[in-house]
Amino acid sequence: MAGGRARGQALRQRVPEQRKGVGTSAIDLATTDGATAAMGGAYPAASVLARTDWVNAHKATVQKVVDALVATVHWTSTHSAADIANKLPGSFVSNQLVTKADCITALNEGRGQFLPDGLMPADGPKTSPATEKPVGNVKGTANLSRTFTNDFAIQANKTEGFKTTTTRAGPNG
């Protein structure tokens, strides 16, 4: 616990919004380790969300969107934080709240939360409802196999020639 508290204090000192007194972080969701500690597993935040009926009616469009997402996360996993910052709009990486150096530090600290192949991780489907349960948003159970698919990400990786490395969620999450 003491190590976690010290790490949290160090994180708060590094986050520019907290240093400037305009924001605060109760838990560390900027790293995979922090998200796992706080939520019990990796949280699938970089994803494409859409209704199943729409996806089924627009598979070619969905594939193009997922192709772009997979190419992006692969690119970011193979480039430095400085390279990423250099591709972002200048007003995003340097403004009244953040300096470019702060942005690069944050990109370095948070890069582990983005999987390089865009696949739903093995613990992802179970983590999502687990985070909603404490606030009362989960009223029953769900068939997790109907809440996601890796099919589009698998195809995107094949199309781009990327090797998948994520231990992916199975049919039951």
N, C-alpha and C. Protein backbone atom coordinates (compact mmCIF):
# COMPACT_ATOMS: atom_id res chain seq x y z
N MET A 1 0.82 -1.19 0.00
CA MET A 1 0.00 0.00 0.00
C MET A 1 0.87 1.26 0.00
N ALA A 2 1.89 1.27 0.81
CA ALA A 2 2.75 2.45 0.88
C ALA A 2 3.40 2.72 -0.47
N GLY A 3 3.83 1.66 -1.17
CA GLY A 3 4.44 1.83 -2.48
C GLY A 3 3.45 2.42 -3.46
N GLY A 4 2.20 1.96 -3.39
CA GLY A 4 1.16 2.49 -4.26
C GLY A 4 0.88 3.96 -3.96
N ARG A 5 0.87 4.32 -2.68
CA ARG A 5 0.62 5.70 -2.29
C ARG A 5 1.76 6.58 -2.79
N ALA A 6 3.00 6.13 -2.61
CA ALA A 6 4.15 6.91 -3.07
C ALA A 6 4.11 7.06 -4.59
N ARG A 7 3.75 5.97 -5.29
CA ARG A 7 3.66 6.03 -6.75
C ARG A 7 2.58 7.01 -7.17
N GLY A 8 1.44 7.00 -6.46
CA GLY A 8 0.35 7.92 -6.76
C GLY A 8 0.77 9.37 -6.56
N GLN A 9 1.51 9.63 -5.48
CA GLN A 9 1.98 10.98 -5.23
C GLN A 9 2.95 11.42 -6.32
N ALA A 10 3.82 10.51 -6.75
CA ALA A 10 4.76 10.83 -7.82
C ALA A 10 4.02 11.10 -9.12
N LEU A 11 2.98 10.30 -9.40
CA LEU A 11 2.19 10.50 -10.61
C LEU A 11 1.51 11.87 -10.56
N ARG A 12 0.93 12.22 -9.42
CA ARG A 12 0.25 13.51 -9.29
C ARG A 12 1.22 14.67 -9.53
N GLN A 13 2.47 14.51 -9.13
CA GLN A 13 3.42 15.58 -9.33
C GLN A 13 3.82 15.71 -10.80
N ARG A 14 3.68 14.61 -11.57
CA ARG A 14 4.07 14.64 -12.98
C ARG A 14 2.95 15.10 -13.89
N VAL A 15 1.70 14.93 -13.49
CA VAL A 15 0.58 15.29 -14.36
C VAL A 15 0.39 16.80 -14.31
N PRO A 16 0.53 17.48 -15.47
CA PRO A 16 0.50 18.94 -15.47
C PRO A 16 -0.80 19.53 -14.93
N GLU A 17 -1.93 18.93 -15.20
CA GLU A 17 -3.20 19.46 -14.72
C GLU A 17 -3.23 19.48 -13.19
N GLN A 18 -2.63 18.47 -12.58
CA GLN A 18 -2.61 18.41 -11.11
C GLN A 18 -1.60 19.40 -10.54
N ARG A 19 -0.46 19.55 -11.20
CA ARG A 19 0.53 20.53 -10.74
C ARG A 19 -0.06 21.94 -10.78
N LYS A 20 -0.91 22.20 -11.76
CA LYS A 20 -1.49 23.54 -11.92
C LYS A 20 -2.78 23.70 -11.14
N GLY A 21 -3.23 22.64 -10.45
CA GLY A 21 -4.41 22.74 -9.61
C GLY A 21 -5.73 22.75 -10.35
N VAL A 22 -5.77 22.28 -11.60
CA VAL A 22 -7.03 22.27 -12.36
C VAL A 22 -7.61 20.87 -12.51
N GLY A 23 -7.00 19.87 -11.92
CA GLY A 23 -7.52 18.51 -12.00
C GLY A 23 -6.83 17.63 -10.99
N THR A 24 -7.45 16.50 -10.73
CA THR A 24 -6.86 15.54 -9.81
C THR A 24 -7.24 14.13 -10.25
N SER A 25 -6.42 13.18 -9.94
CA SER A 25 -6.66 11.80 -10.32
C SER A 25 -6.81 10.95 -9.06
N ALA A 26 -7.95 10.29 -8.95
CA ALA A 26 -8.19 9.43 -7.80
C ALA A 26 -7.50 8.08 -7.96
N ILE A 27 -7.43 7.59 -9.19
CA ILE A 27 -6.77 6.31 -9.48
C ILE A 27 -5.97 6.45 -10.76
N ASP A 28 -5.00 5.58 -10.92
CA ASP A 28 -4.12 5.61 -12.09
C ASP A 28 -4.71 4.74 -13.20
N LEU A 29 -5.31 5.37 -14.19
CA LEU A 29 -5.80 4.63 -15.35
C LEU A 29 -4.93 4.88 -16.58
N ALA A 30 -3.81 5.56 -16.38
CA ALA A 30 -2.92 5.88 -17.48
C ALA A 30 -1.96 4.75 -17.81
N THR A 31 -1.92 3.73 -16.96
CA THR A 31 -1.03 2.60 -17.22
C THR A 31 -1.82 1.30 -17.10
N THR A 32 -1.36 0.27 -17.75
CA THR A 32 -2.01 -1.03 -17.67
C THR A 32 -1.97 -1.55 -16.24
N ASP A 33 -0.83 -1.39 -15.55
CA ASP A 33 -0.73 -1.83 -14.16
C ASP A 33 -1.73 -1.10 -13.28
N GLY A 34 -1.86 0.21 -13.47
CA GLY A 34 -2.80 0.99 -12.68
C GLY A 34 -4.24 0.59 -12.94
N ALA A 35 -4.58 0.38 -14.20
CA ALA A 35 -5.94 -0.04 -14.54
C ALA A 35 -6.24 -1.43 -13.98
N THR A 36 -5.26 -2.31 -14.04
CA THR A 36 -5.45 -3.66 -13.50
C THR A 36 -5.65 -3.61 -12.00
N ALA A 37 -4.86 -2.79 -11.31
CA ALA A 37 -5.00 -2.66 -9.86
C ALA A 37 -6.35 -2.06 -9.49
N ALA A 38 -6.80 -1.08 -10.25
CA ALA A 38 -8.04 -0.38 -9.92
C ALA A 38 -9.29 -1.12 -10.38
N MET A 39 -9.20 -1.82 -11.52
CA MET A 39 -10.40 -2.41 -12.12
C MET A 39 -10.35 -3.92 -12.27
N GLY A 40 -9.23 -4.52 -11.92
CA GLY A 40 -9.14 -5.97 -11.99
C GLY A 40 -8.69 -6.53 -13.32
N GLY A 41 -8.39 -5.68 -14.27
CA GLY A 41 -7.92 -6.16 -15.57
C GLY A 41 -7.75 -5.01 -16.54
N ALA A 42 -7.21 -5.32 -17.69
CA ALA A 42 -7.05 -4.30 -18.72
C ALA A 42 -8.42 -3.81 -19.15
N TYR A 43 -8.56 -2.52 -19.36
CA TYR A 43 -9.84 -1.95 -19.77
C TYR A 43 -9.77 -1.66 -21.27
N PRO A 44 -10.65 -2.24 -22.04
CA PRO A 44 -10.60 -2.07 -23.50
C PRO A 44 -11.14 -0.72 -23.94
N ALA A 45 -10.35 0.32 -23.75
CA ALA A 45 -10.80 1.67 -24.05
C ALA A 45 -10.60 2.04 -25.52
N ALA A 46 -9.50 1.62 -26.13
CA ALA A 46 -9.26 1.93 -27.54
C ALA A 46 -9.98 0.88 -28.36
N SER A 47 -11.24 1.17 -28.65
CA SER A 47 -12.05 0.19 -29.36
C SER A 47 -13.06 0.90 -30.25
N VAL A 48 -13.72 0.13 -31.07
CA VAL A 48 -14.79 0.63 -31.92
C VAL A 48 -16.09 0.12 -31.32
N LEU A 49 -16.97 1.04 -30.98
CA LEU A 49 -18.25 0.67 -30.40
C LEU A 49 -19.36 0.92 -31.40
N ALA A 50 -20.18 -0.09 -31.64
CA ALA A 50 -21.29 0.05 -32.57
C ALA A 50 -22.32 -1.04 -32.29
N ARG A 51 -23.54 -0.77 -32.68
CA ARG A 51 -24.61 -1.76 -32.52
C ARG A 51 -24.35 -2.93 -33.48
N THR A 52 -24.66 -4.13 -33.02
CA THR A 52 -24.44 -5.33 -33.83
C THR A 52 -25.18 -5.27 -35.15
N ASP A 53 -26.44 -4.81 -35.15
CA ASP A 53 -27.20 -4.75 -36.39
C ASP A 53 -26.55 -3.80 -37.40
N TRP A 54 -25.98 -2.69 -36.91
CA TRP A 54 -25.31 -1.75 -37.80
C TRP A 54 -24.02 -2.38 -38.34
N VAL A 55 -23.25 -3.01 -37.47
CA VAL A 55 -22.00 -3.67 -37.90
C VAL A 55 -22.31 -4.70 -38.97
N ASN A 56 -23.31 -5.52 -38.74
CA ASN A 56 -23.65 -6.56 -39.71
C ASN A 56 -24.11 -5.99 -41.05
N ALA A 57 -24.71 -4.81 -41.04
CA ALA A 57 -25.17 -4.18 -42.27
C ALA A 57 -24.08 -3.36 -42.97
N HIS A 58 -22.96 -3.12 -42.30
CA HIS A 58 -21.91 -2.26 -42.85
C HIS A 58 -20.52 -2.86 -42.61
N LYS A 59 -20.37 -4.13 -42.88
CA LYS A 59 -19.11 -4.81 -42.56
C LYS A 59 -17.89 -4.22 -43.27
N ALA A 60 -18.04 -3.82 -44.53
CA ALA A 60 -16.89 -3.25 -45.26
C ALA A 60 -16.44 -1.93 -44.61
N THR A 61 -17.40 -1.11 -44.20
CA THR A 61 -17.07 0.16 -43.54
C THR A 61 -16.41 -0.09 -42.19
N VAL A 62 -16.97 -1.01 -41.43
CA VAL A 62 -16.39 -1.35 -40.13
C VAL A 62 -14.96 -1.85 -40.31
N GLN A 63 -14.74 -2.68 -41.32
CA GLN A 63 -13.39 -3.20 -41.54
C GLN A 63 -12.41 -2.07 -41.83
N LYS A 64 -12.82 -1.07 -42.61
CA LYS A 64 -11.93 0.06 -42.90
C LYS A 64 -11.60 0.85 -41.64
N VAL A 65 -12.60 1.06 -40.78
CA VAL A 65 -12.36 1.78 -39.54
C VAL A 65 -11.39 1.00 -38.66
N VAL A 66 -11.60 -0.30 -38.53
CA VAL A 66 -10.72 -1.14 -37.70
C VAL A 66 -9.33 -1.23 -38.32
N ASP A 67 -9.25 -1.31 -39.64
CA ASP A 67 -7.94 -1.29 -40.31
C ASP A 67 -7.16 -0.04 -39.89
N ALA A 68 -7.84 1.12 -39.89
CA ALA A 68 -7.18 2.37 -39.53
C ALA A 68 -6.76 2.36 -38.05
N LEU A 69 -7.63 1.86 -37.18
CA LEU A 69 -7.30 1.79 -35.76
C LEU A 69 -6.11 0.87 -35.52
N VAL A 70 -6.11 -0.29 -36.13
CA VAL A 70 -5.01 -1.25 -35.94
C VAL A 70 -3.71 -0.66 -36.50
N ALA A 71 -3.77 -0.03 -37.67
CA ALA A 71 -2.55 0.58 -38.22
C ALA A 71 -2.03 1.67 -37.29
N THR A 72 -2.94 2.42 -36.66
CA THR A 72 -2.54 3.48 -35.75
C THR A 72 -1.89 2.93 -34.49
N VAL A 73 -2.53 1.95 -33.85
CA VAL A 73 -1.95 1.42 -32.61
C VAL A 73 -0.64 0.68 -32.89
N HIS A 74 -0.55 0.06 -34.06
CA HIS A 74 0.71 -0.59 -34.42
C HIS A 74 1.80 0.48 -34.61
N TRP A 75 1.47 1.55 -35.32
CA TRP A 75 2.44 2.62 -35.54
C TRP A 75 2.91 3.20 -34.22
N THR A 76 1.97 3.47 -33.31
CA THR A 76 2.37 4.07 -32.03
C THR A 76 3.22 3.12 -31.20
N SER A 77 3.01 1.81 -31.39
CA SER A 77 3.81 0.85 -30.61
C SER A 77 5.22 0.69 -31.17
N THR A 78 5.45 1.16 -32.38
CA THR A 78 6.76 1.02 -33.01
C THR A 78 7.51 2.35 -33.14
N HIS A 79 6.95 3.40 -32.53
CA HIS A 79 7.59 4.72 -32.58
C HIS A 79 7.72 5.28 -31.17
N SER A 80 8.64 6.20 -31.03
CA SER A 80 8.89 6.81 -29.71
C SER A 80 7.78 7.80 -29.36
N ALA A 81 7.72 8.13 -28.09
CA ALA A 81 6.75 9.13 -27.63
C ALA A 81 7.00 10.47 -28.33
N ALA A 82 8.27 10.80 -28.55
CA ALA A 82 8.59 12.05 -29.25
C ALA A 82 8.09 12.01 -30.69
N ASP A 83 8.24 10.85 -31.36
CA ASP A 83 7.72 10.71 -32.72
C ASP A 83 6.21 10.93 -32.74
N ILE A 84 5.52 10.34 -31.77
CA ILE A 84 4.06 10.49 -31.69
C ILE A 84 3.70 11.95 -31.46
N ALA A 85 4.35 12.59 -30.50
CA ALA A 85 4.08 14.00 -30.19
C ALA A 85 4.31 14.88 -31.41
N ASN A 86 5.32 14.56 -32.19
CA ASN A 86 5.63 15.35 -33.39
C ASN A 86 4.55 15.24 -34.45
N LYS A 87 3.74 14.19 -34.41
CA LYS A 87 2.66 14.01 -35.39
C LYS A 87 1.34 14.62 -34.93
N LEU A 88 1.25 14.97 -33.64
CA LEU A 88 0.02 15.55 -33.09
C LEU A 88 -0.02 17.05 -33.34
N PRO A 89 -1.22 17.63 -33.36
CA PRO A 89 -1.31 19.09 -33.54
C PRO A 89 -0.54 19.82 -32.44
N GLY A 90 0.16 20.86 -32.82
CA GLY A 90 0.96 21.63 -31.88
C GLY A 90 0.17 22.15 -30.70
N SER A 91 -1.08 22.56 -30.94
CA SER A 91 -1.89 23.09 -29.84
C SER A 91 -2.32 22.01 -28.86
N PHE A 92 -2.23 20.76 -29.26
CA PHE A 92 -2.55 19.65 -28.35
C PHE A 92 -1.37 19.34 -27.44
N VAL A 93 -0.17 19.37 -28.00
CA VAL A 93 1.02 18.98 -27.21
C VAL A 93 1.64 20.14 -26.45
N SER A 94 1.25 21.35 -26.76
CA SER A 94 1.81 22.51 -26.05
C SER A 94 0.74 23.59 -25.98
N ASN A 95 0.23 23.82 -24.76
CA ASN A 95 -0.80 24.83 -24.54
C ASN A 95 -0.73 25.31 -23.11
N GLN A 96 -1.76 26.00 -22.62
CA GLN A 96 -1.71 26.56 -21.27
C GLN A 96 -1.67 25.49 -20.18
N LEU A 97 -2.04 24.25 -20.49
CA LEU A 97 -2.04 23.19 -19.48
C LEU A 97 -0.87 22.22 -19.60
N VAL A 98 -0.28 22.11 -20.76
CA VAL A 98 0.74 21.09 -20.97
C VAL A 98 1.85 21.61 -21.87
N THR A 99 3.07 21.17 -21.57
CA THR A 99 4.20 21.47 -22.44
C THR A 99 4.45 20.24 -23.31
N LYS A 100 5.23 20.40 -24.33
CA LYS A 100 5.55 19.25 -25.17
C LYS A 100 6.30 18.19 -24.36
N ALA A 101 7.16 18.61 -23.47
CA ALA A 101 7.89 17.66 -22.61
C ALA A 101 6.90 16.88 -21.73
N ASP A 102 5.88 17.58 -21.17
CA ASP A 102 4.85 16.90 -20.39
C ASP A 102 4.12 15.86 -21.24
N CYS A 103 3.78 16.26 -22.46
CA CYS A 103 3.06 15.36 -23.37
C CYS A 103 3.89 14.12 -23.66
N ILE A 104 5.15 14.29 -23.92
CA ILE A 104 6.04 13.15 -24.20
C ILE A 104 6.15 12.25 -22.97
N THR A 105 6.25 12.84 -21.78
CA THR A 105 6.30 12.05 -20.55
C THR A 105 5.02 11.24 -20.40
N ALA A 106 3.87 11.87 -20.61
CA ALA A 106 2.58 11.18 -20.48
C ALA A 106 2.45 10.07 -21.52
N LEU A 107 2.90 10.33 -22.74
CA LEU A 107 2.85 9.28 -23.78
C LEU A 107 3.73 8.10 -23.39
N ASN A 108 4.90 8.37 -22.85
CA ASN A 108 5.77 7.28 -22.40
C ASN A 108 5.12 6.47 -21.28
N GLU A 109 4.52 7.16 -20.32
CA GLU A 109 3.91 6.48 -19.17
C GLU A 109 2.68 5.69 -19.56
N GLY A 110 1.92 6.18 -20.52
CA GLY A 110 0.65 5.53 -20.86
C GLY A 110 0.67 4.61 -22.05
N ARG A 111 1.78 4.47 -22.69
CA ARG A 111 1.79 3.70 -23.94
C ARG A 111 1.47 2.22 -23.76
N GLY A 112 1.70 1.67 -22.58
CA GLY A 112 1.41 0.26 -22.35
C GLY A 112 -0.07 -0.08 -22.34
N GLN A 113 -0.93 0.93 -22.25
CA GLN A 113 -2.36 0.65 -22.22
C GLN A 113 -2.94 0.41 -23.61
N PHE A 114 -2.18 0.70 -24.65
CA PHE A 114 -2.65 0.49 -26.01
C PHE A 114 -1.98 -0.74 -26.60
N LEU A 115 -2.76 -1.75 -26.88
CA LEU A 115 -2.21 -2.99 -27.42
C LEU A 115 -1.84 -2.78 -28.88
N PRO A 116 -0.72 -3.34 -29.33
CA PRO A 116 -0.22 -3.04 -30.67
C PRO A 116 -1.00 -3.70 -31.80
N ASP A 117 -1.94 -4.60 -31.48
CA ASP A 117 -2.66 -5.29 -32.55
C ASP A 117 -4.17 -5.06 -32.53
N GLY A 118 -4.66 -4.28 -31.58
CA GLY A 118 -6.07 -3.93 -31.54
C GLY A 118 -7.03 -5.03 -31.11
N LEU A 119 -6.50 -6.14 -30.63
CA LEU A 119 -7.37 -7.25 -30.21
C LEU A 119 -7.97 -7.00 -28.83
N MET A 120 -9.15 -7.55 -28.60
CA MET A 120 -9.75 -7.51 -27.27
C MET A 120 -8.93 -8.44 -26.39
N PRO A 121 -8.34 -7.91 -25.29
CA PRO A 121 -7.51 -8.74 -24.42
C PRO A 121 -8.35 -9.74 -23.64
N ALA A 122 -7.71 -10.79 -23.18
CA ALA A 122 -8.40 -11.89 -22.50
C ALA A 122 -9.27 -11.44 -21.35
N ASP A 123 -8.83 -10.44 -20.57
CA ASP A 123 -9.63 -10.02 -19.43
C ASP A 123 -10.51 -8.81 -19.72
N GLY A 124 -10.46 -8.29 -20.92
CA GLY A 124 -11.22 -7.09 -21.28
C GLY A 124 -12.72 -7.19 -21.15
N PRO A 125 -13.36 -8.21 -21.71
CA PRO A 125 -14.83 -8.28 -21.62
C PRO A 125 -15.33 -8.38 -20.18
N LYS A 126 -14.59 -9.03 -19.32
CA LYS A 126 -15.03 -9.16 -17.92
C LYS A 126 -14.77 -7.88 -17.13
N THR A 127 -13.75 -7.12 -17.51
CA THR A 127 -13.42 -5.89 -16.79
C THR A 127 -14.48 -4.82 -17.01
N SER A 128 -14.99 -4.70 -18.22
CA SER A 128 -15.95 -3.63 -18.52
C SER A 128 -17.17 -3.66 -17.60
N PRO A 129 -17.91 -4.76 -17.50
CA PRO A 129 -19.06 -4.74 -16.59
C PRO A 129 -18.64 -4.66 -15.11
N ALA A 130 -17.47 -5.19 -14.79
CA ALA A 130 -17.00 -5.14 -13.40
C ALA A 130 -16.80 -3.69 -12.95
N THR A 131 -16.42 -2.80 -13.86
CA THR A 131 -16.22 -1.40 -13.50
C THR A 131 -17.55 -0.66 -13.34
N GLU A 132 -18.59 -1.16 -13.96
CA GLU A 132 -19.90 -0.52 -13.89
C GLU A 132 -20.75 -1.02 -12.72
N LYS A 133 -20.43 -2.20 -12.22
CA LYS A 133 -21.22 -2.80 -11.14
C LYS A 133 -21.28 -1.94 -9.87
N PRO A 134 -20.15 -1.41 -9.39
CA PRO A 134 -20.19 -0.64 -8.14
C PRO A 134 -21.08 0.61 -8.20
N VAL A 135 -21.29 1.18 -9.37
CA VAL A 135 -22.12 2.38 -9.48
C VAL A 135 -23.56 2.05 -9.86
N GLY A 136 -23.88 0.76 -9.91
CA GLY A 136 -25.26 0.34 -10.13
C GLY A 136 -25.71 0.27 -11.57
N ASN A 137 -24.78 0.32 -12.52
CA ASN A 137 -25.15 0.26 -13.93
C ASN A 137 -25.33 -1.16 -14.45
N VAL A 138 -24.92 -2.16 -13.68
CA VAL A 138 -25.07 -3.55 -14.09
C VAL A 138 -26.17 -4.16 -13.22
N LYS A 139 -27.25 -4.55 -13.87
CA LYS A 139 -28.40 -5.06 -13.12
C LYS A 139 -28.52 -6.58 -13.23
N GLY A 140 -27.81 -7.19 -14.16
CA GLY A 140 -27.90 -8.63 -14.34
C GLY A 140 -26.63 -9.15 -14.97
N THR A 141 -26.75 -10.26 -15.66
CA THR A 141 -25.60 -10.85 -16.34
C THR A 141 -25.73 -10.65 -17.84
N ALA A 142 -24.62 -10.76 -18.51
CA ALA A 142 -24.60 -10.62 -19.97
C ALA A 142 -23.83 -11.78 -20.56
N ASN A 143 -24.21 -12.16 -21.75
CA ASN A 143 -23.46 -13.16 -22.50
C ASN A 143 -22.29 -12.41 -23.13
N LEU A 144 -21.13 -12.48 -22.49
CA LEU A 144 -19.97 -11.69 -22.93
C LEU A 144 -19.57 -11.99 -24.37
N SER A 145 -19.81 -13.19 -24.85
CA SER A 145 -19.44 -13.54 -26.22
C SER A 145 -20.21 -12.71 -27.25
N ARG A 146 -21.32 -12.11 -26.84
CA ARG A 146 -22.13 -11.29 -27.76
C ARG A 146 -21.79 -9.81 -27.65
N THR A 147 -20.80 -9.46 -26.82
CA THR A 147 -20.48 -8.05 -26.60
C THR A 147 -19.26 -7.57 -27.38
N PHE A 148 -18.56 -8.46 -28.06
CA PHE A 148 -17.35 -8.06 -28.78
C PHE A 148 -17.04 -9.08 -29.87
N THR A 149 -16.18 -8.67 -30.78
CA THR A 149 -15.60 -9.59 -31.75
C THR A 149 -14.17 -9.16 -32.03
N ASN A 150 -13.31 -10.13 -32.22
CA ASN A 150 -11.94 -9.86 -32.64
C ASN A 150 -11.78 -10.05 -34.15
N ASP A 151 -12.83 -10.47 -34.82
CA ASP A 151 -12.74 -10.82 -36.24
C ASP A 151 -12.18 -9.68 -37.09
N PHE A 152 -12.67 -8.47 -36.88
CA PHE A 152 -12.21 -7.35 -37.70
C PHE A 152 -10.74 -7.02 -37.41
N ALA A 153 -10.34 -7.06 -36.15
CA ALA A 153 -8.94 -6.78 -35.80
C ALA A 153 -8.01 -7.86 -36.33
N ILE A 154 -8.45 -9.11 -36.27
CA ILE A 154 -7.63 -10.21 -36.82
C ILE A 154 -7.43 -9.99 -38.31
N GLN A 155 -8.50 -9.65 -39.02
CA GLN A 155 -8.40 -9.40 -40.47
C GLN A 155 -7.52 -8.19 -40.75
N ALA A 156 -7.64 -7.14 -39.95
CA ALA A 156 -6.82 -5.94 -40.15
C ALA A 156 -5.34 -6.27 -40.01
N ASN A 157 -5.00 -7.07 -39.01
CA ASN A 157 -3.60 -7.46 -38.83
C ASN A 157 -3.11 -8.28 -40.00
N LYS A 158 -3.93 -9.19 -40.50
CA LYS A 158 -3.55 -9.98 -41.68
C LYS A 158 -3.34 -9.09 -42.89
N THR A 159 -4.26 -8.17 -43.11
CA THR A 159 -4.18 -7.26 -44.25
C THR A 159 -2.91 -6.41 -44.20
N GLU A 160 -2.58 -5.92 -43.01
CA GLU A 160 -1.42 -5.05 -42.83
C GLU A 160 -0.11 -5.83 -42.71
N GLY A 161 -0.20 -7.14 -42.52
CA GLY A 161 1.00 -7.96 -42.36
C GLY A 161 1.59 -7.89 -40.97
N PHE A 162 0.77 -7.54 -39.97
CA PHE A 162 1.24 -7.44 -38.59
C PHE A 162 1.04 -8.77 -37.88
N LYS A 163 1.94 -9.05 -36.96
CA LYS A 163 1.83 -10.24 -36.12
C LYS A 163 1.03 -9.87 -34.87
N THR A 164 0.05 -10.70 -34.52
CA THR A 164 -0.71 -10.43 -33.30
C THR A 164 0.06 -11.00 -32.11
N THR A 165 0.05 -10.25 -31.01
CA THR A 165 0.79 -10.65 -29.82
C THR A 165 -0.09 -10.69 -28.57
N THR A 166 -1.27 -10.12 -28.63
CA THR A 166 -2.16 -10.06 -27.48
C THR A 166 -2.80 -11.41 -27.20
N THR A 167 -2.84 -11.81 -25.94
CA THR A 167 -3.63 -12.97 -25.58
C THR A 167 -5.07 -12.52 -25.65
N ARG A 168 -5.77 -12.99 -26.67
CA ARG A 168 -7.10 -12.45 -26.95
C ARG A 168 -8.19 -13.13 -26.15
N ALA A 169 -9.25 -12.40 -25.97
CA ALA A 169 -10.42 -12.93 -25.29
C ALA A 169 -11.02 -14.05 -26.11
N GLY A 170 -11.45 -15.08 -25.43
CA GLY A 170 -12.11 -16.19 -26.09
C GLY A 170 -13.59 -15.93 -26.28
N PRO A 171 -14.34 -16.91 -26.74
CA PRO A 171 -15.75 -16.72 -27.04
C PRO A 171 -16.61 -16.34 -25.83
N ASN A 172 -16.15 -16.62 -24.64
CA ASN A 172 -16.93 -16.26 -23.45
C ASN A 172 -16.29 -15.12 -22.66
N GLY A 173 -15.43 -14.40 -23.32
CA GLY A 173 -14.77 -13.27 -22.67
C GLY A 173 -13.56 -13.73 -21.93
